[in-house]
Amino acid sequence: MPTKTSPRNEALSILTGLFERGEEVVNVFLEEMLGNRRVREQLGKTVGRAAHAKKRVDKNMDRVLSALNVPSRGDYNRLLAKVEALQGSLVNVSMKLDRLLATQHQHPVPAPPPPRRRSARKRPKRASSGA
């Protein structure tokens, strides 16, 4: 007894076959195109021009953002680098302070003597120049 295939399964089978055939055709086309030296050269030039255009767009965008007083990605990255450097310095200072405090706890330094008071000399009174 022959098996019946539903119209849906038959349509899926046809679409799958077309898709696979399309992939084969595209792959053959790309292999032939990339095998051509002139196509490869033009593709390289096009990619180079696109990279140059992107640099110009980025530069112009930085100018626009600067004119609008809006930070750019470069501004953000520079600020981030400075914050990270300050954070590193703060960690170093904190570590040195911890070592200093630990040293003081191990070897307490006696408190300095109170400052000596100067003896109060009596100053001669000035004559008042009143009437």
C-alpha atoms as a PDB file:
ATOM      1  CA  MET A   1       0.000   0.000   0.000  1.00  0.00           C
ATOM      2  CA  PRO A   2       1.553   3.341  -0.989  1.00  0.00           C
ATOM      3  CA  THR A   3       2.046   5.900   1.756  1.00  0.00           C
ATOM      4  CA  LYS A   4       0.208   9.163   1.417  1.00  0.00           C
ATOM      5  CA  THR A   5       2.141  12.357   1.898  1.00  0.00           C
ATOM      6  CA  SER A   6       0.312  15.389   3.079  1.00  0.00           C
ATOM      7  CA  PRO A   7       0.379  18.525   0.946  1.00  0.00           C
ATOM      8  CA  ARG A   8       2.189  20.279   3.770  1.00  0.00           C
ATOM      9  CA  ASN A   9       5.016  17.686   3.851  1.00  0.00           C
ATOM     10  CA  GLU A  10       5.239  17.796   0.058  1.00  0.00           C
ATOM     11  CA  ALA A  11       5.520  21.613   0.098  1.00  0.00           C
ATOM     12  CA  LEU A  12       8.208  21.470   2.808  1.00  0.00           C
ATOM     13  CA  SER A  13      10.132  18.918   0.793  1.00  0.00           C
ATOM     14  CA  ILE A  14      10.002  21.117  -2.318  1.00  0.00           C
ATOM     15  CA  LEU A  15      11.069  24.210  -0.359  1.00  0.00           C
ATOM     16  CA  THR A  16      13.928  22.334   1.298  1.00  0.00           C
ATOM     17  CA  GLY A  17      15.142  21.142  -2.103  1.00  0.00           C
ATOM     18  CA  LEU A  18      14.959  24.664  -3.541  1.00  0.00           C
ATOM     19  CA  PHE A  19      16.805  26.097  -0.538  1.00  0.00           C
ATOM     20  CA  GLU A  20      19.594  23.519  -0.815  1.00  0.00           C
ATOM     21  CA  ARG A  21      19.896  24.127  -4.570  1.00  0.00           C
ATOM     22  CA  GLY A  22      20.013  27.883  -3.951  1.00  0.00           C
ATOM     23  CA  GLU A  23      22.833  27.425  -1.448  1.00  0.00           C
ATOM     24  CA  GLU A  24      24.797  25.388  -3.983  1.00  0.00           C
ATOM     25  CA  VAL A  25      24.344  28.007  -6.709  1.00  0.00           C
ATOM     26  CA  VAL A  26      25.369  30.867  -4.404  1.00  0.00           C
ATOM     27  CA  ASN A  27      28.444  28.949  -3.199  1.00  0.00           C
ATOM     28  CA  VAL A  28      29.555  28.206  -6.778  1.00  0.00           C
ATOM     29  CA  PHE A  29      28.993  31.858  -7.758  1.00  0.00           C
ATOM     30  CA  LEU A  30      31.012  33.146  -4.768  1.00  0.00           C
ATOM     31  CA  GLU A  31      33.850  30.700  -5.443  1.00  0.00           C
ATOM     32  CA  GLU A  32      34.050  31.849  -9.073  1.00  0.00           C
ATOM     33  CA  MET A  33      33.860  35.533  -8.128  1.00  0.00           C
ATOM     34  CA  LEU A  34      36.502  35.297  -5.406  1.00  0.00           C
ATOM     35  CA  GLY A  35      38.676  33.233  -7.721  1.00  0.00           C
ATOM     36  CA  ASN A  36      38.895  36.234 -10.046  1.00  0.00           C
ATOM     37  CA  ARG A  37      41.880  38.433  -9.176  1.00  0.00           C
ATOM     38  CA  ARG A  38      40.217  41.663 -10.321  1.00  0.00           C
ATOM     39  CA  VAL A  39      37.130  41.036  -8.193  1.00  0.00           C
ATOM     40  CA  ARG A  40      39.326  40.391  -5.150  1.00  0.00           C
ATOM     41  CA  GLU A  41      41.247  43.628  -5.793  1.00  0.00           C
ATOM     42  CA  GLN A  42      38.043  45.647  -6.156  1.00  0.00           C
ATOM     43  CA  LEU A  43      36.627  44.066  -3.019  1.00  0.00           C
ATOM     44  CA  GLY A  44      39.791  45.019  -1.108  1.00  0.00           C
ATOM     45  CA  LYS A  45      39.604  48.602  -2.395  1.00  0.00           C
ATOM     46  CA  THR A  46      35.935  48.819  -1.448  1.00  0.00           C
ATOM     47  CA  VAL A  47      36.621  47.605   2.082  1.00  0.00           C
ATOM     48  CA  GLY A  48      39.489  50.113   2.368  1.00  0.00           C
ATOM     49  CA  ARG A  49      37.259  52.974   1.226  1.00  0.00           C
ATOM     50  CA  ALA A  50      34.552  51.900   3.664  1.00  0.00           C
ATOM     51  CA  ALA A  51      37.055  51.923   6.542  1.00  0.00           C
ATOM     52  CA  HIS A  52      38.268  55.394   5.509  1.00  0.00           C
ATOM     53  CA  ALA A  53      34.677  56.659   5.289  1.00  0.00           C
ATOM     54  CA  LYS A  54      33.943  55.275   8.760  1.00  0.00           C
ATOM     55  CA  LYS A  55      36.947  57.144  10.182  1.00  0.00           C
ATOM     56  CA  ARG A  56      35.701  60.385   8.610  1.00  0.00           C
ATOM     57  CA  VAL A  57      32.188  59.842   9.951  1.00  0.00           C
ATOM     58  CA  ASP A  58      33.576  59.151  13.440  1.00  0.00           C
ATOM     59  CA  LYS A  59      35.730  62.291  13.277  1.00  0.00           C
ATOM     60  CA  ASN A  60      32.804  64.438  12.127  1.00  0.00           C
ATOM     61  CA  MET A  61      30.567  62.930  14.799  1.00  0.00           C
ATOM     62  CA  ASP A  62      33.145  63.830  17.455  1.00  0.00           C
ATOM     63  CA  ARG A  63      33.109  67.417  16.157  1.00  0.00           C
ATOM     64  CA  VAL A  64      29.316  67.583  16.281  1.00  0.00           C
ATOM     65  CA  LEU A  65      29.196  66.145  19.804  1.00  0.00           C
ATOM     66  CA  SER A  66      31.880  68.583  20.902  1.00  0.00           C
ATOM     67  CA  ALA A  67      29.935  71.515  19.433  1.00  0.00           C
ATOM     68  CA  LEU A  68      26.841  70.328  21.320  1.00  0.00           C
ATOM     69  CA  ASN A  69      28.919  69.906  24.490  1.00  0.00           C
ATOM     70  CA  VAL A  70      28.092  66.191  24.627  1.00  0.00           C
ATOM     71  CA  PRO A  71      30.876  63.784  25.616  1.00  0.00           C
ATOM     72  CA  SER A  72      32.061  61.441  22.897  1.00  0.00           C
ATOM     73  CA  ARG A  73      33.244  57.851  23.256  1.00  0.00           C
ATOM     74  CA  GLY A  74      36.844  59.124  23.280  1.00  0.00           C
ATOM     75  CA  ASP A  75      36.004  61.556  26.097  1.00  0.00           C
ATOM     76  CA  TYR A  76      34.391  58.734  28.035  1.00  0.00           C
ATOM     77  CA  ASN A  77      37.401  56.445  27.506  1.00  0.00           C
ATOM     78  CA  ARG A  78      39.864  59.170  28.613  1.00  0.00           C
ATOM     79  CA  LEU A  79      37.791  59.855  31.707  1.00  0.00           C
ATOM     80  CA  LEU A  80      37.558  56.163  32.475  1.00  0.00           C
ATOM     81  CA  ALA A  81      41.357  55.813  32.211  1.00  0.00           C
ATOM     82  CA  LYS A  82      41.830  58.716  34.633  1.00  0.00           C
ATOM     83  CA  VAL A  83      39.331  57.246  37.110  1.00  0.00           C
ATOM     84  CA  GLU A  84      41.097  53.881  36.939  1.00  0.00           C
ATOM     85  CA  ALA A  85      44.483  55.561  37.536  1.00  0.00           C
ATOM     86  CA  LEU A  86      43.062  57.452  40.528  1.00  0.00           C
ATOM     87  CA  GLN A  87      41.554  54.242  41.844  1.00  0.00           C
ATOM     88  CA  GLY A  88      44.945  52.546  41.614  1.00  0.00           C
ATOM     89  CA  SER A  89      46.596  55.447  43.449  1.00  0.00           C
ATOM     90  CA  LEU A  90      43.924  55.309  46.142  1.00  0.00           C
ATOM     91  CA  VAL A  91      44.518  51.591  46.616  1.00  0.00           C
ATOM     92  CA  ASN A  92      48.275  52.237  46.973  1.00  0.00           C
ATOM     93  CA  VAL A  93      47.716  54.994  49.539  1.00  0.00           C
ATOM     94  CA  SER A  94      45.292  52.778  51.431  1.00  0.00           C
ATOM     95  CA  MET A  95      47.802  49.914  51.544  1.00  0.00           C
ATOM     96  CA  LYS A  96      50.571  52.229  52.780  1.00  0.00           C
ATOM     97  CA  LEU A  97      48.270  53.656  55.438  1.00  0.00           C
ATOM     98  CA  ASP A  98      47.350  50.145  56.589  1.00  0.00           C
ATOM     99  CA  ARG A  99      51.048  49.236  56.889  1.00  0.00           C
ATOM    100  CA  LEU A 100      51.787  52.424  58.783  1.00  0.00           C
ATOM    101  CA  LEU A 101      48.929  51.803  61.211  1.00  0.00           C
ATOM    102  CA  ALA A 102      50.016  48.197  61.693  1.00  0.00           C
ATOM    103  CA  THR A 103      53.569  49.364  62.437  1.00  0.00           C
ATOM    104  CA  GLN A 104      52.266  51.903  64.954  1.00  0.00           C
ATOM    105  CA  HIS A 105      50.245  49.237  66.737  1.00  0.00           C
ATOM    106  CA  GLN A 106      53.301  46.985  66.971  1.00  0.00           C
ATOM    107  CA  HIS A 107      55.662  49.748  68.097  1.00  0.00           C
ATOM    108  CA  PRO A 108      53.651  52.543  69.644  1.00  0.00           C
ATOM    109  CA  VAL A 109      55.343  55.908  69.469  1.00  0.00           C
ATOM    110  CA  PRO A 110      55.211  57.835  72.752  1.00  0.00           C
ATOM    111  CA  ALA A 111      53.161  60.981  72.671  1.00  0.00           C
ATOM    112  CA  PRO A 112      55.231  64.137  72.299  1.00  0.00           C
ATOM    113  CA  PRO A 113      55.554  66.267  75.427  1.00  0.00           C
ATOM    114  CA  PRO A 114      53.185  69.188  75.664  1.00  0.00           C
ATOM    115  CA  PRO A 115      54.578  72.445  74.300  1.00  0.00           C
ATOM    116  CA  ARG A 116      56.319  74.655  76.860  1.00  0.00           C
ATOM    117  CA  ARG A 117      54.593  77.855  77.673  1.00  0.00           C
ATOM    118  CA  ARG A 118      56.540  80.988  77.329  1.00  0.00           C
ATOM    119  CA  SER A 119      56.939  82.981  80.454  1.00  0.00           C
ATOM    120  CA  ALA A 120      54.789  85.996  80.410  1.00  0.00           C
ATOM    121  CA  ARG A 121      56.938  89.084  80.510  1.00  0.00           C
ATOM    122  CA  LYS A 122      55.401  92.197  81.712  1.00  0.00           C
ATOM    123  CA  ARG A 123      55.465  94.832  79.114  1.00  0.00           C
ATOM    124  CA  PRO A 124      55.705  98.429  80.128  1.00  0.00           C
ATOM    125  CA  LYS A 125      52.485 100.279  79.777  1.00  0.00           C
ATOM    126  CA  ARG A 126      52.413 102.912  77.147  1.00  0.00           C
ATOM    127  CA  ALA A 127      51.495 106.374  78.134  1.00  0.00           C
ATOM    128  CA  SER A 128      48.125 107.272  76.872  1.00  0.00           C
ATOM    129  CA  SER A 129      48.028 110.352  74.780  1.00  0.00           C
ATOM    130  CA  GLY A 130      44.678 111.512  75.981  1.00  0.00           C
ATOM    131  CA  ALA A 131      43.639 115.018  76.882  1.00  0.00           C
END
